[in-house]
Protein backbone atom coordinates (compact mmCIF):
# COMPACT_ATOMS: atom_id res chain seq x y z
CA MET A 1 14.56 -52.19 -24.75
CA ASN A 2 14.40 -48.88 -26.91
CA THR A 3 18.05 -48.64 -28.15
CA ARG A 4 18.45 -45.44 -27.95
CA ASP A 5 18.18 -45.56 -24.20
CA ARG A 6 20.00 -48.70 -23.95
CA ALA A 7 23.46 -47.81 -21.63
CA PRO A 8 26.72 -49.53 -22.44
CA ALA A 9 27.35 -53.55 -20.98
CA GLN A 10 28.43 -53.01 -17.76
CA ASN A 11 30.37 -55.96 -17.86
CA ALA A 12 32.81 -55.02 -20.63
CA PRO A 13 35.83 -55.23 -20.94
CA PRO A 14 38.36 -51.90 -20.83
CA PRO A 15 38.23 -50.42 -24.34
CA GLN A 16 41.89 -51.65 -26.32
CA ASP A 17 43.64 -49.86 -28.23
CA VAL A 18 40.78 -47.17 -28.83
CA ASP A 19 40.25 -44.23 -26.70
CA ALA A 20 37.33 -44.05 -23.78
CA ARG A 21 35.66 -41.54 -25.92
CA MET A 22 34.68 -44.13 -28.11
CA ARG A 23 32.00 -45.51 -25.05
CA ILE A 24 29.33 -43.89 -27.16
CA GLU A 25 25.36 -44.35 -27.17
CA ILE A 26 23.43 -43.75 -30.89
CA LYS A 27 21.85 -40.48 -29.48
CA ASP A 28 25.75 -39.18 -29.07
CA ILE A 29 26.67 -40.50 -32.82
CA GLY A 30 23.96 -37.82 -34.94
CA ILE A 31 22.59 -40.53 -37.37
CA PRO A 32 22.11 -38.73 -40.50
CA PRO A 33 18.22 -37.61 -41.26
CA ARG A 34 16.25 -38.62 -44.12
CA PRO A 35 17.81 -36.72 -47.47
CA GLN A 36 15.22 -34.40 -48.14
CA ILE A 37 14.04 -36.11 -51.66
CA LEU A 38 12.80 -39.01 -50.31
CA VAL A 39 10.82 -37.13 -48.34
CA ALA A 40 9.64 -35.15 -51.18
CA ILE A 41 8.93 -38.84 -53.10
CA GLU A 42 7.00 -40.24 -50.09
CA GLN A 43 4.50 -37.41 -50.29
CA GLU A 44 3.84 -37.73 -54.08
CA MET A 45 3.45 -41.73 -53.45
CA ARG A 46 0.83 -41.07 -51.04
CA LYS A 47 -1.53 -39.57 -53.19
CA ASP A 48 -4.21 -41.01 -55.20
CA ALA A 49 -2.46 -40.55 -58.44
CA PRO A 50 1.19 -39.95 -58.01
CA ASP A 51 2.78 -37.35 -61.14
CA PHE A 52 5.13 -39.08 -62.31
CA ILE A 53 5.96 -36.51 -64.14
CA LEU A 54 6.64 -33.77 -61.11
CA LEU A 55 8.43 -37.02 -59.89
CA SER A 56 10.95 -37.31 -62.78
CA LYS A 57 11.43 -33.48 -62.61
CA LEU A 58 12.42 -33.95 -58.79
CA ILE A 59 14.58 -37.18 -59.40
CA ALA A 60 16.26 -35.19 -62.44
CA SER A 61 16.86 -31.90 -60.61
CA ASP A 62 20.07 -34.06 -59.07
CA VAL A 63 22.07 -35.29 -61.71
CA ALA A 64 24.25 -37.58 -60.04
CA LEU A 65 21.00 -39.32 -58.80
CA ALA A 66 18.81 -39.45 -62.23
CA ALA A 67 22.44 -40.75 -63.84
CA GLY A 68 22.74 -43.52 -60.78
CA LEU A 69 18.60 -44.25 -61.00
CA ILE A 70 19.06 -45.21 -64.42
CA LYS A 71 22.36 -47.20 -64.13
CA THR A 72 20.49 -49.38 -61.76
CA ALA A 73 17.51 -49.84 -64.27
CA ASN A 74 19.92 -50.91 -66.59
CA SER A 75 21.49 -53.24 -64.01
CA PRO A 76 21.62 -57.01 -65.62
CA PHE A 77 19.68 -58.10 -62.75
CA PHE A 78 16.12 -56.55 -63.71
CA GLY A 79 17.15 -57.95 -66.79
CA PHE A 80 14.73 -55.82 -69.11
CA ASN A 81 14.78 -55.57 -72.94
CA LYS A 82 14.70 -52.37 -73.94
CA ARG A 83 17.78 -49.60 -72.21
CA VAL A 84 16.02 -46.94 -69.77
CA ARG A 85 17.67 -43.62 -71.30
CA THR A 86 15.55 -41.24 -68.70
CA VAL A 87 14.30 -40.97 -65.40
CA ASN A 88 10.69 -41.27 -66.45
CA GLU A 89 11.63 -44.28 -67.55
CA ALA A 90 13.14 -45.77 -65.08
CA LEU A 91 10.17 -44.93 -63.07
CA LEU A 92 8.06 -46.89 -65.69
CA VAL A 93 9.41 -50.00 -65.56
CA LEU A 94 10.86 -49.90 -61.86
CA GLY A 95 7.91 -48.73 -60.36
CA LEU A 96 7.61 -46.19 -57.35
CA LYS A 97 8.72 -48.21 -54.25
CA THR A 98 11.78 -49.67 -55.79
CA VAL A 99 12.47 -46.19 -57.57
CA THR A 100 12.24 -45.07 -53.80
CA ARG A 101 14.55 -47.46 -52.19
CA THR A 102 16.85 -47.06 -55.19
CA ILE A 103 17.50 -43.31 -54.33
CA ALA A 104 17.70 -44.28 -51.10
CA GLY A 105 20.83 -46.25 -51.58
CA LEU A 106 22.14 -43.32 -54.13
CA ALA A 107 21.33 -40.65 -51.27
CA LEU A 108 22.97 -42.73 -48.91
CA GLN A 109 26.61 -42.56 -50.09
CA LYS A 110 26.04 -38.92 -51.08
CA ILE A 111 25.67 -38.17 -47.16
CA PHE A 112 28.78 -38.59 -46.32
CA PRO A 113 31.76 -36.33 -46.59
CA HIS A 114 34.22 -37.41 -49.44
CA VAL A 115 36.59 -39.54 -47.51
CA PRO A 116 39.71 -42.05 -49.13
CA SER A 117 39.69 -44.75 -47.32
CA LEU A 118 35.56 -45.46 -47.52
CA GLU A 119 36.31 -45.83 -51.26
CA ARG A 120 36.99 -49.52 -51.06
CA PHE A 121 33.67 -49.62 -48.65
CA TRP A 122 31.20 -48.11 -50.82
CA ASP A 123 32.58 -50.18 -54.02
CA ALA A 124 32.53 -53.53 -52.28
CA SER A 125 29.04 -52.81 -51.12
CA ALA A 126 27.86 -52.25 -53.94
CA LYS A 127 29.46 -55.05 -55.86
CA THR A 128 27.93 -57.26 -52.91
CA ALA A 129 24.20 -55.29 -53.76
CA ARG A 130 24.91 -56.36 -57.58
CA THR A 131 25.25 -60.01 -56.66
CA ALA A 132 22.83 -59.98 -54.04
CA ALA A 133 20.00 -59.27 -56.30
CA TRP A 134 21.88 -61.45 -59.10
CA LEU A 135 21.92 -64.70 -56.63
CA ALA A 136 18.22 -63.29 -55.67
CA GLY A 137 16.87 -64.28 -58.86
CA LYS A 138 18.30 -68.22 -58.65
CA CYS A 139 16.86 -68.85 -55.55
CA LYS A 140 13.09 -69.32 -54.18
CA LEU A 141 12.38 -67.03 -51.92
CA PRO A 142 9.72 -66.17 -49.51
CA GLY A 143 6.39 -64.71 -50.66
CA GLY A 144 6.53 -60.77 -51.78
CA LEU A 145 10.60 -60.80 -52.12
CA ARG A 146 12.12 -59.37 -54.83
CA PRO A 147 15.84 -59.14 -56.04
CA ALA A 148 15.69 -55.48 -55.49
CA ASP A 149 15.01 -55.72 -51.77
CA ALA A 150 18.11 -58.01 -51.69
CA TYR A 151 19.96 -54.94 -53.58
CA THR A 152 18.18 -52.56 -51.51
CA PHE A 153 19.48 -54.59 -47.66
CA ALA A 154 22.79 -55.37 -49.15
CA LEU A 155 23.30 -51.46 -50.10
CA PHE A 156 22.42 -50.35 -46.71
CA ARG A 157 23.36 -53.95 -44.35
CA ASP A 158 26.84 -52.02 -43.01
CA CYS A 159 25.85 -48.31 -43.49
CA GLY A 160 26.95 -48.36 -39.55
CA ILE A 161 29.96 -48.19 -40.32
CA PRO A 162 30.91 -45.41 -42.05
CA VAL A 163 28.61 -43.39 -39.34
CA LEU A 164 30.90 -44.72 -36.83
CA LEU A 165 34.25 -44.14 -38.44
CA ILE A 166 34.12 -41.24 -40.25
CA PRO A 167 33.50 -39.16 -36.45
CA PHE A 168 35.41 -41.32 -34.77
CA PRO A 169 38.94 -43.13 -37.23
CA GLU A 170 39.98 -45.20 -34.47
CA TYR A 171 36.82 -47.55 -34.60
CA SER A 172 39.03 -48.76 -38.20
CA LYS A 173 40.94 -50.90 -35.49
CA VAL A 174 37.46 -52.21 -33.97
CA LEU A 175 36.90 -53.51 -37.37
CA GLN A 176 40.21 -55.00 -37.86
CA ALA A 177 39.60 -56.87 -34.95
CA ALA A 178 36.08 -58.28 -35.46
CA ASN A 179 36.90 -58.94 -39.65
CA ALA A 180 39.67 -61.19 -37.91
CA ALA A 181 37.92 -62.85 -34.97
CA THR A 182 37.19 -66.82 -36.09
CA ASP A 183 34.73 -67.35 -33.24
CA ALA A 184 32.99 -64.41 -31.56
CA CYS A 185 30.52 -62.52 -33.53
CA PHE A 186 31.56 -59.51 -35.28
CA THR A 187 29.10 -57.37 -33.46
CA ASP A 188 29.93 -58.47 -29.95
CA ILE A 189 33.92 -57.40 -30.53
CA GLU A 190 32.45 -53.86 -31.24
CA GLU A 191 29.97 -53.91 -28.31
CA GLN A 192 33.14 -54.76 -26.22
CA GLN A 193 35.45 -51.85 -27.05
CA LEU A 194 32.86 -49.71 -28.23
CA GLY A 195 29.77 -50.62 -26.49
CA ILE A 196 27.23 -50.28 -29.88
CA ASN A 197 28.09 -51.64 -32.87
CA HIS A 198 27.60 -50.90 -36.38
CA ALA A 199 24.31 -53.20 -37.19
CA VAL A 200 22.17 -51.55 -34.15
CA VAL A 201 23.14 -48.17 -35.65
CA GLY A 202 22.31 -49.11 -39.46
CA ALA A 203 19.41 -49.95 -38.25
CA GLU A 204 18.32 -47.18 -36.65
CA LEU A 205 19.48 -45.08 -39.58
CA ALA A 206 17.50 -47.41 -41.93
CA GLU A 207 14.35 -46.55 -39.51
CA GLY A 208 14.56 -43.27 -39.35
CA TRP A 209 14.89 -43.23 -43.28
CA LEU A 210 11.45 -45.52 -43.37
CA LEU A 211 13.19 -48.25 -45.35
CA PRO A 212 10.55 -51.48 -44.82
CA PRO A 213 10.26 -53.07 -41.83
CA GLU A 214 11.82 -56.59 -42.92
CA ILE A 215 15.38 -54.63 -44.42
CA CYS A 216 15.82 -53.04 -40.78
CA ALA A 217 15.30 -56.09 -38.71
CA ALA A 218 17.63 -57.73 -41.51
CA ILE A 219 19.98 -54.81 -40.78
CA ARG A 220 19.90 -55.19 -37.03
CA HIS A 221 20.53 -58.79 -37.13
CA HIS A 222 22.77 -59.63 -39.80
CA HIS A 223 25.52 -60.70 -37.82
CA SER A 224 23.60 -62.46 -34.89
CA LEU A 225 23.84 -66.74 -36.13
CA GLU A 226 21.12 -67.16 -33.33
CA HIS A 227 18.54 -65.39 -35.04
CA LEU A 228 19.64 -66.64 -39.12
CA VAL A 229 18.63 -70.40 -38.05
CA ASP A 230 15.72 -68.94 -36.57
CA GLU A 231 16.28 -70.54 -32.22
CA SER A 232 13.33 -70.65 -30.58
CA GLY A 233 12.35 -66.97 -28.74
CA ASN A 234 14.96 -65.46 -31.46
CA SER A 235 13.29 -65.71 -35.01
CA LEU A 236 13.09 -63.48 -37.57
CA PRO A 237 10.57 -62.69 -40.55
CA ALA A 238 11.47 -65.27 -43.33
CA ALA A 239 12.24 -62.49 -45.77
CA SER A 240 14.90 -61.15 -42.92
CA ARG A 241 16.35 -64.20 -42.65
CA SER A 242 16.29 -64.83 -46.69
CA LEU A 243 17.94 -61.15 -46.99
CA ILE A 244 21.09 -61.78 -44.59
CA ALA A 245 21.24 -64.95 -46.02
CA LEU A 246 21.49 -63.54 -49.88
CA ALA A 247 23.82 -60.95 -48.81
CA GLN A 248 26.43 -63.18 -46.93
CA THR A 249 26.22 -65.74 -49.63
CA ALA A 250 27.07 -62.95 -52.13
CA GLU A 251 29.79 -61.36 -50.60
CA HIS A 252 31.49 -65.09 -50.12
CA LEU A 253 30.80 -66.03 -54.33
CA LEU A 254 32.26 -62.72 -54.77
CA GLN A 255 35.42 -62.89 -52.96
CA ILE A 256 35.92 -66.38 -53.80
CA ALA A 257 35.13 -65.81 -57.41
CA THR A 258 37.06 -61.90 -57.93
CA GLY A 259 40.02 -63.59 -55.36
CA LEU A 260 39.69 -60.77 -52.62
CA SER A 261 40.74 -61.39 -49.51
CA GLN A 262 37.67 -63.24 -47.19
CA THR A 263 36.76 -62.44 -43.95
CA SER A 264 35.90 -65.14 -40.89
CA GLU A 265 32.34 -64.42 -41.14
CA TRP A 266 31.23 -67.50 -43.96
CA GLN A 267 33.29 -70.01 -41.35
CA LYS A 268 30.12 -68.91 -38.18
CA LEU A 269 27.42 -68.20 -40.68
CA GLY A 270 28.02 -70.05 -44.32
CA ALA A 271 26.17 -73.10 -43.54
CA ALA A 272 22.85 -71.47 -42.30
CA CYS A 273 23.20 -69.14 -45.24
CA LEU A 274 22.58 -72.09 -47.20
CA ASP A 275 20.11 -73.71 -45.21
CA VAL A 276 18.43 -70.77 -45.59
CA LEU A 277 18.17 -70.58 -49.33
CA ALA A 278 18.33 -74.11 -49.57
CA LEU A 279 21.49 -74.55 -51.19
CA ASP A 280 24.25 -77.77 -51.10
CA GLU A 281 27.63 -77.33 -52.21
CA ASP A 282 26.84 -78.78 -55.18
CA SER A 283 24.77 -75.91 -56.30
CA PHE A 284 26.95 -73.20 -54.50
CA ALA A 285 29.59 -74.80 -56.34
CA GLY A 286 27.67 -73.84 -59.88
CA LEU A 287 26.37 -70.70 -58.65
CA LEU A 288 29.99 -69.88 -58.19
CA ASP A 289 30.41 -71.02 -61.68
CA THR A 290 27.86 -69.03 -63.54
CA LEU A 291 29.23 -65.82 -61.13
CA ARG A 292 32.28 -66.31 -62.14
CA GLN A 293 30.83 -66.29 -66.37
CA ASP A 294 29.15 -63.32 -65.08
CA ALA A 295 31.97 -61.61 -63.42
CA PRO A 296 31.78 -58.15 -65.68
CA PHE A 297 28.41 -57.80 -64.32
CA ALA A 298 29.71 -57.85 -60.48
CA ALA A 299 32.39 -55.56 -61.23
CA GLU A 300 30.66 -53.41 -63.49
């Protein structure tokens, strides 16, 4: 069924502490359109011989995007020996696909108005993304999956939250209830009170921005245990399952290493995540020790 045309759950209980106007459909929200700079970059990428000088000028015209790209290229998880100093150098060392996804992640935050309540959200997303990329370098992943893919997914994983939160501040109460739920699926709580959930909204945004299918699928199902454990009839591509497991495990490692408050998601998904990544308790403990040593990188 097309999610754009789906009807709210017929048997869902009435919303609690949330105005009835929040029972909405995706088409009513207004998914942010794909930034024009991504359109321009993709058009150049489709050429047989992309013009790197033109791409460099295009990206450099936005100071914030250019600075963010250079900073990302110099992040420890890429492990380049020589420090990147210009947009052109970043293009050369990262490659066009990685640059496009990096620009998409940087543009994601820019499309939303400055809202103080979202500053912690963006900061947590960025730290989780860096940690997921770091973790991807430590694990055996399906062919073709790279740390940069884990970074992109973790950055976009919860992008549906600000899409819902900005027009509907009451949504914060739904998030609190979903975070506190120890048994029910996070998105089920949202569905009960909103008739929609942030994972579906986020997947719609990612698809509209032309992110890779495995990343879009992972965003859509990142709270689903049945998809993560690959039950019959509910399987996801191995790459999508690995992306979900990487981000969830990275988030949990980061919460322990930094002493941040922990959500209930690890109780529900943790065992399956470790299984997907082929990690046991000892290897998890070893990763935690290593992350604690590398904490400045996670917090940069």
